[in-house]
Each structure stands twice: as structure tokens, then as C-alpha cells.
Amino acid sequence: MSEITLLAEVTAFLRQPHGQFIAGQREAGRGAPFAVINPATGRAIAEVPAADSDQADRAMERARQALSQWREMPTLARGALLLKLADTLAEHREALAQLESLCSGKTITLVRMLELDQSVAFLRYFAGWAGKVTGETLDGKNQKTLILSGACCVIIYFLYNHIRYLSKRCFNLVI
């Protein structure tokens, strides 16, 4: 991986104290700290404290509440939120690309073009479907139905593979 000159905001982010982000609020992690390693260099780029079991439980409860709110939200409002996320990713493209490149060891070009640009495209595509929900359903004959009944705690390293995550999640979010 070729060296890149990090943006000042990326350097500041890596140097700041990190913790948990639960229900829209930042709080200090209560678990043991662990190093975030750049796999391309083997060097630590940041240190993050783990969550304790209480923090993980609260995060899961808030995720369940958010899922319930999402289910009740009108589809056009869901689409608007997906577009807002796409716009935010596009606005912070270079900083996010640098962070992802450092955390994953991928080249900056690959992260910019595949991870971020395609994530933005996926979000905008699926946001567009939100306005096309017509109330039609499958007849159910010879169909297997999967009913989601809760939230899932996903443990990933920072900004893990946007395109894979979004391509598997967005369609279910819009419906």
C-alpha cells in the first residue's frame, strides 16, 4: 500500500479518545482497551476500550427500539434517511476512505471507488425503491417466508466493507 498524507481530521480522529456510541450518545468504554491494527503495516493506529456487558445490553435494547421505530416509519421517510446517509458518506468520502484504508489494509483507490462510491450508489438505489412500494405481496404459494423478529448485535471493525454490508441490509431496511 502506498503512503497517503492523512487529512488533519483523520489524524485528529485517530488520536482522540474512543468509546461506545449508544443511542446517539458517546460514552467511555468500560472494558479493557485494545489496539486497532493497520494490517498492511502491523502498526497500531488507535486504541479503543471494549464495551462491558451492561453497555452491550443497553446497545441491544436501543437497537430493538430503533428497529421498532423503523418498522413504523413511512417508507418515504425511510428513503429520505437512506439518502441522507448516502449524502453524508459522499460528503466525508476522503476521510472515510483514509480511515477504511488504514483499518483494512486495502489500497486507498479500492476503498474510494468500491467501498465508498458503491456504498453511496447502493444507498441511493434502495432509497429510490422506498417510493415504489405499492402494497403488493407474494401469493405465498411455494414461497418460504422469513420473518425478522428482533435486532442483531454485529461486531465489526471500524467501517467494515461498506458495499457488502449495505448490499445485504438496505433492501430489508426499505421494505
N, C-alpha and C. Protein backbone atom coordinates (compact mmCIF):
# COMPACT_ATOMS: atom_id res chain seq x y z
N MET A 1 0.84 -1.17 0.00
CA MET A 1 0.00 0.00 0.00
C MET A 1 0.89 1.24 0.00
N SER A 2 0.63 2.15 -0.91
CA SER A 2 1.41 3.38 -0.95
C SER A 2 0.98 4.29 0.20
N GLU A 3 1.93 5.08 0.64
CA GLU A 3 1.63 6.00 1.74
C GLU A 3 0.76 7.15 1.24
N ILE A 4 -0.17 7.58 2.05
CA ILE A 4 -1.00 8.73 1.73
C ILE A 4 -0.82 9.76 2.84
N THR A 5 -1.03 11.00 2.50
CA THR A 5 -0.99 12.06 3.50
C THR A 5 -2.37 12.15 4.12
N LEU A 6 -2.45 11.85 5.39
CA LEU A 6 -3.74 11.85 6.07
C LEU A 6 -4.27 13.27 6.25
N LEU A 7 -5.56 13.40 6.06
CA LEU A 7 -6.23 14.66 6.35
C LEU A 7 -6.08 14.96 7.84
N ALA A 8 -6.07 16.23 8.18
CA ALA A 8 -5.96 16.64 9.59
C ALA A 8 -7.10 16.04 10.41
N GLU A 9 -8.32 16.00 9.84
CA GLU A 9 -9.45 15.46 10.60
C GLU A 9 -9.29 13.96 10.86
N VAL A 10 -8.63 13.24 9.97
CA VAL A 10 -8.40 11.81 10.18
C VAL A 10 -7.38 11.62 11.29
N THR A 11 -6.31 12.38 11.24
CA THR A 11 -5.29 12.30 12.29
C THR A 11 -5.90 12.64 13.65
N ALA A 12 -6.71 13.69 13.70
CA ALA A 12 -7.35 14.08 14.96
C ALA A 12 -8.29 12.99 15.45
N PHE A 13 -9.04 12.38 14.54
CA PHE A 13 -9.95 11.30 14.93
C PHE A 13 -9.19 10.13 15.53
N LEU A 14 -8.09 9.74 14.91
CA LEU A 14 -7.32 8.60 15.41
C LEU A 14 -6.70 8.88 16.77
N ARG A 15 -6.39 10.13 17.05
CA ARG A 15 -5.74 10.49 18.32
C ARG A 15 -6.73 10.74 19.46
N GLN A 16 -7.99 10.98 19.15
CA GLN A 16 -8.96 11.29 20.20
C GLN A 16 -9.31 10.04 21.00
N PRO A 17 -9.80 10.23 22.22
CA PRO A 17 -10.26 9.07 22.99
C PRO A 17 -11.50 8.47 22.31
N HIS A 18 -11.54 7.16 22.25
CA HIS A 18 -12.67 6.46 21.63
C HIS A 18 -13.45 5.72 22.70
N GLY A 19 -14.66 5.39 22.40
CA GLY A 19 -15.51 4.68 23.34
C GLY A 19 -16.67 4.05 22.62
N GLN A 20 -17.82 4.09 23.24
CA GLN A 20 -19.02 3.48 22.68
C GLN A 20 -19.95 4.57 22.18
N PHE A 21 -20.78 4.20 21.23
CA PHE A 21 -21.80 5.11 20.69
C PHE A 21 -23.12 4.37 20.83
N ILE A 22 -23.88 4.72 21.86
CA ILE A 22 -25.11 4.01 22.19
C ILE A 22 -26.27 5.00 22.18
N ALA A 23 -27.27 4.70 21.37
CA ALA A 23 -28.48 5.54 21.28
C ALA A 23 -28.15 6.99 20.96
N GLY A 24 -27.20 7.19 20.06
CA GLY A 24 -26.85 8.54 19.64
C GLY A 24 -25.97 9.31 20.60
N GLN A 25 -25.50 8.65 21.64
CA GLN A 25 -24.67 9.31 22.65
C GLN A 25 -23.32 8.61 22.76
N ARG A 26 -22.29 9.40 22.87
CA ARG A 26 -20.94 8.85 23.09
C ARG A 26 -20.75 8.63 24.59
N GLU A 27 -20.10 7.52 24.91
CA GLU A 27 -19.72 7.29 26.30
C GLU A 27 -18.44 6.47 26.33
N ALA A 28 -17.72 6.60 27.41
CA ALA A 28 -16.46 5.87 27.54
C ALA A 28 -16.73 4.38 27.64
N GLY A 29 -15.88 3.61 26.99
CA GLY A 29 -15.97 2.16 27.14
C GLY A 29 -15.48 1.76 28.52
N ARG A 30 -16.06 0.72 29.06
CA ARG A 30 -15.69 0.29 30.41
C ARG A 30 -14.85 -0.97 30.42
N GLY A 31 -14.61 -1.53 29.23
CA GLY A 31 -13.82 -2.76 29.13
C GLY A 31 -12.36 -2.46 28.91
N ALA A 32 -11.61 -3.53 28.74
CA ALA A 32 -10.18 -3.40 28.50
C ALA A 32 -9.92 -2.75 27.14
N PRO A 33 -8.92 -1.90 27.06
CA PRO A 33 -8.60 -1.30 25.77
C PRO A 33 -7.94 -2.32 24.83
N PHE A 34 -8.17 -2.13 23.54
CA PHE A 34 -7.47 -2.97 22.55
C PHE A 34 -7.00 -2.08 21.41
N ALA A 35 -5.94 -2.51 20.78
CA ALA A 35 -5.34 -1.73 19.70
C ALA A 35 -6.05 -2.03 18.39
N VAL A 36 -6.21 -0.99 17.58
CA VAL A 36 -6.69 -1.14 16.21
C VAL A 36 -5.44 -1.17 15.35
N ILE A 37 -5.24 -2.29 14.64
CA ILE A 37 -4.01 -2.52 13.90
C ILE A 37 -4.24 -2.31 12.41
N ASN A 38 -3.34 -1.61 11.76
CA ASN A 38 -3.34 -1.50 10.31
C ASN A 38 -2.73 -2.80 9.79
N PRO A 39 -3.51 -3.65 9.12
CA PRO A 39 -2.98 -4.94 8.67
C PRO A 39 -1.90 -4.82 7.60
N ALA A 40 -1.83 -3.69 6.91
CA ALA A 40 -0.80 -3.51 5.89
C ALA A 40 0.57 -3.26 6.50
N THR A 41 0.58 -2.66 7.70
CA THR A 41 1.86 -2.31 8.33
C THR A 41 2.11 -3.05 9.63
N GLY A 42 1.04 -3.56 10.24
CA GLY A 42 1.17 -4.20 11.54
C GLY A 42 1.26 -3.21 12.69
N ARG A 43 1.13 -1.92 12.41
CA ARG A 43 1.24 -0.90 13.46
C ARG A 43 -0.13 -0.53 14.01
N ALA A 44 -0.15 -0.20 15.29
CA ALA A 44 -1.39 0.26 15.93
C ALA A 44 -1.67 1.69 15.45
N ILE A 45 -2.94 1.93 15.08
CA ILE A 45 -3.32 3.27 14.63
C ILE A 45 -4.24 3.97 15.62
N ALA A 46 -4.82 3.20 16.54
CA ALA A 46 -5.69 3.78 17.55
C ALA A 46 -5.89 2.74 18.65
N GLU A 47 -6.45 3.20 19.76
CA GLU A 47 -6.79 2.31 20.86
C GLU A 47 -8.24 2.55 21.22
N VAL A 48 -8.97 1.46 21.40
CA VAL A 48 -10.40 1.54 21.67
C VAL A 48 -10.73 0.69 22.89
N PRO A 49 -11.45 1.25 23.88
CA PRO A 49 -11.86 0.43 25.01
C PRO A 49 -13.08 -0.41 24.62
N ALA A 50 -13.10 -1.64 25.04
CA ALA A 50 -14.24 -2.52 24.78
C ALA A 50 -15.43 -2.09 25.62
N ALA A 51 -16.59 -2.50 25.19
CA ALA A 51 -17.80 -2.28 25.98
C ALA A 51 -17.87 -3.35 27.06
N ASP A 52 -18.50 -3.02 28.18
CA ASP A 52 -18.77 -4.07 29.16
C ASP A 52 -20.15 -4.66 28.85
N SER A 53 -20.56 -5.67 29.61
CA SER A 53 -21.82 -6.37 29.30
C SER A 53 -23.03 -5.44 29.46
N ASP A 54 -22.99 -4.51 30.41
CA ASP A 54 -24.10 -3.57 30.57
C ASP A 54 -24.23 -2.68 29.34
N GLN A 55 -23.11 -2.19 28.84
CA GLN A 55 -23.15 -1.35 27.64
C GLN A 55 -23.66 -2.14 26.43
N ALA A 56 -23.22 -3.37 26.29
CA ALA A 56 -23.68 -4.20 25.17
C ALA A 56 -25.18 -4.47 25.29
N ASP A 57 -25.66 -4.73 26.51
CA ASP A 57 -27.10 -4.96 26.71
C ASP A 57 -27.91 -3.70 26.38
N ARG A 58 -27.43 -2.54 26.82
CA ARG A 58 -28.14 -1.29 26.53
C ARG A 58 -28.14 -1.01 25.02
N ALA A 59 -27.01 -1.28 24.38
CA ALA A 59 -26.94 -1.07 22.93
C ALA A 59 -27.93 -1.97 22.21
N MET A 60 -28.06 -3.22 22.65
CA MET A 60 -29.01 -4.14 22.03
C MET A 60 -30.45 -3.68 22.28
N GLU A 61 -30.74 -3.22 23.46
CA GLU A 61 -32.10 -2.75 23.75
C GLU A 61 -32.44 -1.54 22.90
N ARG A 62 -31.51 -0.62 22.77
CA ARG A 62 -31.76 0.56 21.93
C ARG A 62 -31.89 0.15 20.46
N ALA A 63 -31.15 -0.85 20.03
CA ALA A 63 -31.27 -1.34 18.65
C ALA A 63 -32.66 -1.93 18.42
N ARG A 64 -33.17 -2.65 19.39
CA ARG A 64 -34.53 -3.20 19.28
C ARG A 64 -35.56 -2.07 19.18
N GLN A 65 -35.40 -1.04 19.99
CA GLN A 65 -36.30 0.11 19.94
C GLN A 65 -36.22 0.81 18.58
N ALA A 66 -35.00 0.96 18.07
CA ALA A 66 -34.82 1.60 16.77
C ALA A 66 -35.46 0.77 15.66
N LEU A 67 -35.35 -0.54 15.75
CA LEU A 67 -35.98 -1.41 14.76
C LEU A 67 -37.49 -1.25 14.79
N SER A 68 -38.05 -1.16 15.97
CA SER A 68 -39.50 -0.96 16.11
C SER A 68 -39.91 0.38 15.49
N GLN A 69 -39.14 1.42 15.75
CA GLN A 69 -39.43 2.74 15.18
C GLN A 69 -39.29 2.70 13.65
N TRP A 70 -38.29 1.99 13.15
CA TRP A 70 -38.07 1.88 11.71
C TRP A 70 -39.25 1.18 11.04
N ARG A 71 -39.74 0.13 11.67
CA ARG A 71 -40.87 -0.61 11.10
C ARG A 71 -42.12 0.27 10.98
N GLU A 72 -42.30 1.18 11.92
CA GLU A 72 -43.48 2.03 11.92
C GLU A 72 -43.32 3.28 11.06
N MET A 73 -42.12 3.55 10.62
CA MET A 73 -41.84 4.75 9.84
C MET A 73 -42.38 4.59 8.42
N PRO A 74 -42.99 5.62 7.87
CA PRO A 74 -43.45 5.56 6.47
C PRO A 74 -42.27 5.30 5.53
N THR A 75 -42.55 4.58 4.45
CA THR A 75 -41.46 4.18 3.55
C THR A 75 -40.73 5.37 2.96
N LEU A 76 -41.44 6.45 2.63
CA LEU A 76 -40.76 7.61 2.06
C LEU A 76 -39.80 8.24 3.07
N ALA A 77 -40.15 8.20 4.34
CA ALA A 77 -39.25 8.72 5.38
C ALA A 77 -38.01 7.83 5.48
N ARG A 78 -38.19 6.52 5.32
CA ARG A 78 -37.03 5.62 5.31
C ARG A 78 -36.11 5.96 4.15
N GLY A 79 -36.71 6.16 2.99
CA GLY A 79 -35.91 6.51 1.82
C GLY A 79 -35.14 7.80 2.03
N ALA A 80 -35.78 8.78 2.66
CA ALA A 80 -35.12 10.05 2.93
C ALA A 80 -33.91 9.86 3.85
N LEU A 81 -34.04 8.97 4.83
CA LEU A 81 -32.91 8.71 5.72
C LEU A 81 -31.77 8.01 4.99
N LEU A 82 -32.11 7.08 4.10
CA LEU A 82 -31.06 6.41 3.32
C LEU A 82 -30.34 7.41 2.42
N LEU A 83 -31.10 8.35 1.85
CA LEU A 83 -30.46 9.39 1.02
C LEU A 83 -29.56 10.29 1.87
N LYS A 84 -30.01 10.61 3.08
CA LYS A 84 -29.19 11.44 3.97
C LYS A 84 -27.89 10.72 4.32
N LEU A 85 -27.97 9.41 4.57
CA LEU A 85 -26.75 8.64 4.84
C LEU A 85 -25.84 8.63 3.62
N ALA A 86 -26.41 8.44 2.43
CA ALA A 86 -25.61 8.46 1.20
C ALA A 86 -24.91 9.80 1.04
N ASP A 87 -25.63 10.89 1.29
CA ASP A 87 -25.05 12.22 1.17
C ASP A 87 -23.92 12.43 2.19
N THR A 88 -24.11 11.91 3.40
CA THR A 88 -23.09 12.05 4.44
C THR A 88 -21.83 11.27 4.06
N LEU A 89 -22.00 10.05 3.54
CA LEU A 89 -20.84 9.27 3.09
C LEU A 89 -20.11 10.01 1.97
N ALA A 90 -20.86 10.55 1.02
CA ALA A 90 -20.25 11.26 -0.10
C ALA A 90 -19.52 12.52 0.39
N GLU A 91 -20.12 13.23 1.33
CA GLU A 91 -19.53 14.46 1.85
C GLU A 91 -18.20 14.19 2.55
N HIS A 92 -18.11 13.06 3.24
CA HIS A 92 -16.90 12.73 4.01
C HIS A 92 -16.09 11.62 3.34
N ARG A 93 -16.23 11.51 2.03
CA ARG A 93 -15.64 10.41 1.26
C ARG A 93 -14.15 10.22 1.54
N GLU A 94 -13.37 11.28 1.42
CA GLU A 94 -11.92 11.11 1.55
C GLU A 94 -11.51 10.72 2.97
N ALA A 95 -12.09 11.35 3.98
CA ALA A 95 -11.74 10.99 5.36
C ALA A 95 -12.13 9.55 5.66
N LEU A 96 -13.32 9.14 5.24
CA LEU A 96 -13.75 7.76 5.46
C LEU A 96 -12.89 6.77 4.68
N ALA A 97 -12.52 7.15 3.47
CA ALA A 97 -11.65 6.27 2.67
C ALA A 97 -10.30 6.09 3.34
N GLN A 98 -9.75 7.16 3.87
CA GLN A 98 -8.46 7.04 4.56
C GLN A 98 -8.56 6.15 5.79
N LEU A 99 -9.62 6.34 6.57
CA LEU A 99 -9.79 5.50 7.76
C LEU A 99 -9.98 4.03 7.38
N GLU A 100 -10.80 3.77 6.38
CA GLU A 100 -11.03 2.39 5.95
C GLU A 100 -9.75 1.76 5.41
N SER A 101 -8.98 2.52 4.65
CA SER A 101 -7.73 2.01 4.12
C SER A 101 -6.77 1.63 5.25
N LEU A 102 -6.69 2.49 6.25
CA LEU A 102 -5.83 2.20 7.40
C LEU A 102 -6.30 0.98 8.18
N CYS A 103 -7.62 0.86 8.37
CA CYS A 103 -8.18 -0.22 9.19
C CYS A 103 -8.21 -1.56 8.47
N SER A 104 -8.33 -1.53 7.15
CA SER A 104 -8.48 -2.79 6.40
C SER A 104 -7.22 -3.21 5.68
N GLY A 105 -6.30 -2.27 5.45
CA GLY A 105 -5.10 -2.58 4.68
C GLY A 105 -5.33 -2.54 3.18
N LYS A 106 -6.53 -2.16 2.76
CA LYS A 106 -6.83 -2.06 1.32
C LYS A 106 -6.23 -0.77 0.76
N THR A 107 -6.02 -0.77 -0.54
CA THR A 107 -5.50 0.45 -1.17
C THR A 107 -6.54 1.55 -1.10
N ILE A 108 -6.06 2.78 -1.07
CA ILE A 108 -6.97 3.92 -0.98
C ILE A 108 -7.86 4.00 -2.22
N THR A 109 -7.32 3.66 -3.38
CA THR A 109 -8.11 3.70 -4.62
C THR A 109 -9.25 2.69 -4.56
N LEU A 110 -8.98 1.49 -4.10
CA LEU A 110 -10.02 0.47 -3.98
C LEU A 110 -11.10 0.92 -3.00
N VAL A 111 -10.70 1.47 -1.89
CA VAL A 111 -11.67 1.91 -0.89
C VAL A 111 -12.52 3.05 -1.43
N ARG A 112 -11.89 4.02 -2.08
CA ARG A 112 -12.66 5.14 -2.63
C ARG A 112 -13.70 4.67 -3.64
N MET A 113 -13.23 3.90 -4.61
CA MET A 113 -14.10 3.54 -5.73
C MET A 113 -15.08 2.42 -5.42
N LEU A 114 -14.63 1.39 -4.74
CA LEU A 114 -15.50 0.25 -4.48
C LEU A 114 -16.27 0.41 -3.18
N GLU A 115 -15.57 0.60 -2.11
CA GLU A 115 -16.24 0.65 -0.82
C GLU A 115 -17.17 1.85 -0.68
N LEU A 116 -16.65 3.04 -0.87
CA LEU A 116 -17.46 4.23 -0.62
C LEU A 116 -18.36 4.61 -1.78
N ASP A 117 -17.82 4.71 -2.97
CA ASP A 117 -18.66 5.12 -4.10
C ASP A 117 -19.79 4.12 -4.35
N GLN A 118 -19.50 2.84 -4.24
CA GLN A 118 -20.55 1.84 -4.45
C GLN A 118 -21.54 1.82 -3.28
N SER A 119 -21.07 2.09 -2.08
CA SER A 119 -21.99 2.18 -0.94
C SER A 119 -22.97 3.33 -1.14
N VAL A 120 -22.47 4.45 -1.60
CA VAL A 120 -23.34 5.60 -1.87
C VAL A 120 -24.34 5.24 -2.95
N ALA A 121 -23.87 4.56 -4.00
CA ALA A 121 -24.77 4.16 -5.09
C ALA A 121 -25.84 3.18 -4.59
N PHE A 122 -25.45 2.22 -3.77
CA PHE A 122 -26.42 1.26 -3.22
C PHE A 122 -27.47 1.98 -2.37
N LEU A 123 -27.03 2.86 -1.50
CA LEU A 123 -27.97 3.58 -0.65
C LEU A 123 -28.96 4.39 -1.47
N ARG A 124 -28.47 5.07 -2.48
CA ARG A 124 -29.36 5.88 -3.32
C ARG A 124 -30.32 5.00 -4.12
N TYR A 125 -29.83 3.88 -4.60
CA TYR A 125 -30.69 2.95 -5.35
C TYR A 125 -31.83 2.45 -4.46
N PHE A 126 -31.49 1.95 -3.29
CA PHE A 126 -32.52 1.39 -2.41
C PHE A 126 -33.42 2.48 -1.84
N ALA A 127 -32.90 3.68 -1.64
CA ALA A 127 -33.75 4.79 -1.20
C ALA A 127 -34.81 5.07 -2.24
N GLY A 128 -34.47 4.93 -3.50
CA GLY A 128 -35.44 5.14 -4.56
C GLY A 128 -36.57 4.13 -4.55
N TRP A 129 -36.29 2.93 -4.10
CA TRP A 129 -37.34 1.91 -4.02
C TRP A 129 -38.38 2.24 -2.95
N ALA A 130 -38.01 3.04 -1.99
CA ALA A 130 -38.94 3.36 -0.91
C ALA A 130 -40.20 4.02 -1.43
N GLY A 131 -40.11 4.77 -2.51
CA GLY A 131 -41.27 5.43 -3.08
C GLY A 131 -42.05 4.57 -4.06
N LYS A 132 -41.60 3.36 -4.24
CA LYS A 132 -42.24 2.48 -5.22
C LYS A 132 -42.97 1.31 -4.57
N VAL A 133 -43.12 1.35 -3.25
CA VAL A 133 -43.86 0.30 -2.56
C VAL A 133 -45.33 0.47 -2.91
N THR A 134 -45.93 -0.58 -3.47
CA THR A 134 -47.31 -0.47 -3.96
C THR A 134 -48.30 -1.28 -3.15
N GLY A 135 -47.84 -1.98 -2.15
CA GLY A 135 -48.76 -2.78 -1.34
C GLY A 135 -48.96 -4.18 -1.87
N GLU A 136 -48.29 -4.54 -2.94
CA GLU A 136 -48.42 -5.88 -3.49
C GLU A 136 -47.62 -6.86 -2.64
N THR A 137 -48.12 -8.08 -2.57
CA THR A 137 -47.42 -9.13 -1.84
C THR A 137 -47.37 -10.39 -2.68
N LEU A 138 -46.48 -11.27 -2.33
CA LEU A 138 -46.43 -12.58 -2.98
C LEU A 138 -47.63 -13.39 -2.55
N ASP A 139 -48.06 -14.32 -3.38
CA ASP A 139 -49.23 -15.11 -3.03
C ASP A 139 -48.95 -16.14 -1.94
N GLY A 140 -47.69 -16.40 -1.68
CA GLY A 140 -47.34 -17.31 -0.60
C GLY A 140 -47.24 -18.76 -1.01
N LYS A 141 -47.72 -19.10 -2.18
CA LYS A 141 -47.65 -20.48 -2.65
C LYS A 141 -46.21 -20.80 -3.04
N ASN A 142 -45.73 -21.89 -2.53
CA ASN A 142 -44.37 -22.35 -2.83
C ASN A 142 -43.31 -21.31 -2.46
N GLN A 143 -43.60 -20.48 -1.51
CA GLN A 143 -42.65 -19.47 -1.06
C GLN A 143 -42.28 -19.76 0.39
N LYS A 144 -41.03 -19.54 0.71
CA LYS A 144 -40.60 -19.62 2.10
C LYS A 144 -40.52 -18.20 2.62
N THR A 145 -41.02 -18.00 3.81
CA THR A 145 -41.08 -16.66 4.38
C THR A 145 -40.15 -16.59 5.59
N LEU A 146 -39.39 -15.53 5.62
CA LEU A 146 -38.51 -15.27 6.75
C LEU A 146 -39.04 -14.03 7.45
N ILE A 147 -39.36 -14.16 8.70
CA ILE A 147 -39.87 -13.02 9.47
C ILE A 147 -38.79 -12.58 10.44
N LEU A 148 -38.38 -11.33 10.33
CA LEU A 148 -37.40 -10.79 11.25
C LEU A 148 -38.13 -10.40 12.53
N SER A 149 -37.60 -10.81 13.64
CA SER A 149 -38.31 -10.56 14.88
C SER A 149 -37.44 -9.92 15.95
N GLY A 150 -36.37 -9.28 15.55
CA GLY A 150 -35.56 -8.65 16.58
C GLY A 150 -34.38 -7.94 16.00
N ALA A 151 -33.46 -7.59 16.83
CA ALA A 151 -32.26 -6.90 16.42
C ALA A 151 -31.08 -7.84 16.58
N CYS A 152 -30.03 -7.54 15.90
CA CYS A 152 -28.82 -8.36 15.96
C CYS A 152 -27.64 -7.47 16.29
N CYS A 153 -26.82 -7.90 17.19
CA CYS A 153 -25.61 -7.17 17.53
C CYS A 153 -24.52 -7.63 16.58
N VAL A 154 -24.01 -6.72 15.76
CA VAL A 154 -22.98 -7.05 14.79
C VAL A 154 -21.67 -6.48 15.29
N ILE A 155 -20.68 -7.32 15.37
CA ILE A 155 -19.37 -6.86 15.81
C ILE A 155 -18.48 -6.82 14.58
N ILE A 156 -18.10 -5.61 14.19
CA ILE A 156 -17.25 -5.44 13.03
C ILE A 156 -16.15 -4.46 13.38
N TYR A 157 -15.06 -4.51 12.64
CA TYR A 157 -14.06 -3.49 12.86
C TYR A 157 -14.52 -2.23 12.14
N PHE A 158 -13.94 -1.11 12.47
CA PHE A 158 -14.38 0.19 12.01
C PHE A 158 -14.57 0.23 10.50
N LEU A 159 -15.78 0.61 10.07
CA LEU A 159 -16.11 0.81 8.66
C LEU A 159 -15.90 -0.43 7.81
N TYR A 160 -16.21 -1.62 8.33
CA TYR A 160 -16.00 -2.85 7.57
C TYR A 160 -16.78 -2.85 6.27
N ASN A 161 -16.12 -3.14 5.25
CA ASN A 161 -16.63 -3.40 3.91
C ASN A 161 -18.05 -2.88 3.67
N HIS A 162 -18.16 -1.61 3.45
CA HIS A 162 -19.45 -0.95 3.24
C HIS A 162 -20.32 -1.65 2.22
N ILE A 163 -19.74 -1.97 1.09
CA ILE A 163 -20.55 -2.48 0.00
C ILE A 163 -21.22 -3.80 0.35
N ARG A 164 -20.48 -4.70 0.99
CA ARG A 164 -21.08 -5.97 1.39
C ARG A 164 -22.18 -5.76 2.41
N TYR A 165 -21.88 -4.95 3.41
CA TYR A 165 -22.85 -4.71 4.46
C TYR A 165 -24.11 -4.06 3.91
N LEU A 166 -23.94 -3.01 3.14
CA LEU A 166 -25.10 -2.29 2.63
C LEU A 166 -25.90 -3.10 1.63
N SER A 167 -25.22 -3.84 0.77
CA SER A 167 -25.94 -4.61 -0.24
C SER A 167 -26.80 -5.69 0.39
N LYS A 168 -26.41 -6.18 1.55
CA LYS A 168 -27.18 -7.23 2.23
C LYS A 168 -28.24 -6.64 3.15
N ARG A 169 -28.13 -5.38 3.53
CA ARG A 169 -29.02 -4.82 4.53
C ARG A 169 -30.07 -3.86 3.97
N CYS A 170 -29.72 -3.08 2.95
CA CYS A 170 -30.61 -1.99 2.53
C CYS A 170 -31.97 -2.43 2.07
N PHE A 171 -32.06 -3.48 1.30
CA PHE A 171 -33.34 -3.86 0.79
C PHE A 171 -34.31 -4.18 1.93
N ASN A 172 -33.82 -4.87 2.94
CA ASN A 172 -34.67 -5.19 4.08
C ASN A 172 -35.05 -3.94 4.86
N LEU A 173 -34.17 -2.94 4.88
CA LEU A 173 -34.49 -1.72 5.59
C LEU A 173 -35.61 -0.95 4.90
N VAL A 174 -35.62 -0.96 3.59
CA VAL A 174 -36.59 -0.18 2.85
C VAL A 174 -37.97 -0.82 2.92
N ILE A 175 -38.04 -2.13 2.85
CA ILE A 175 -39.33 -2.83 2.83
C ILE A 175 -40.01 -2.67 4.13
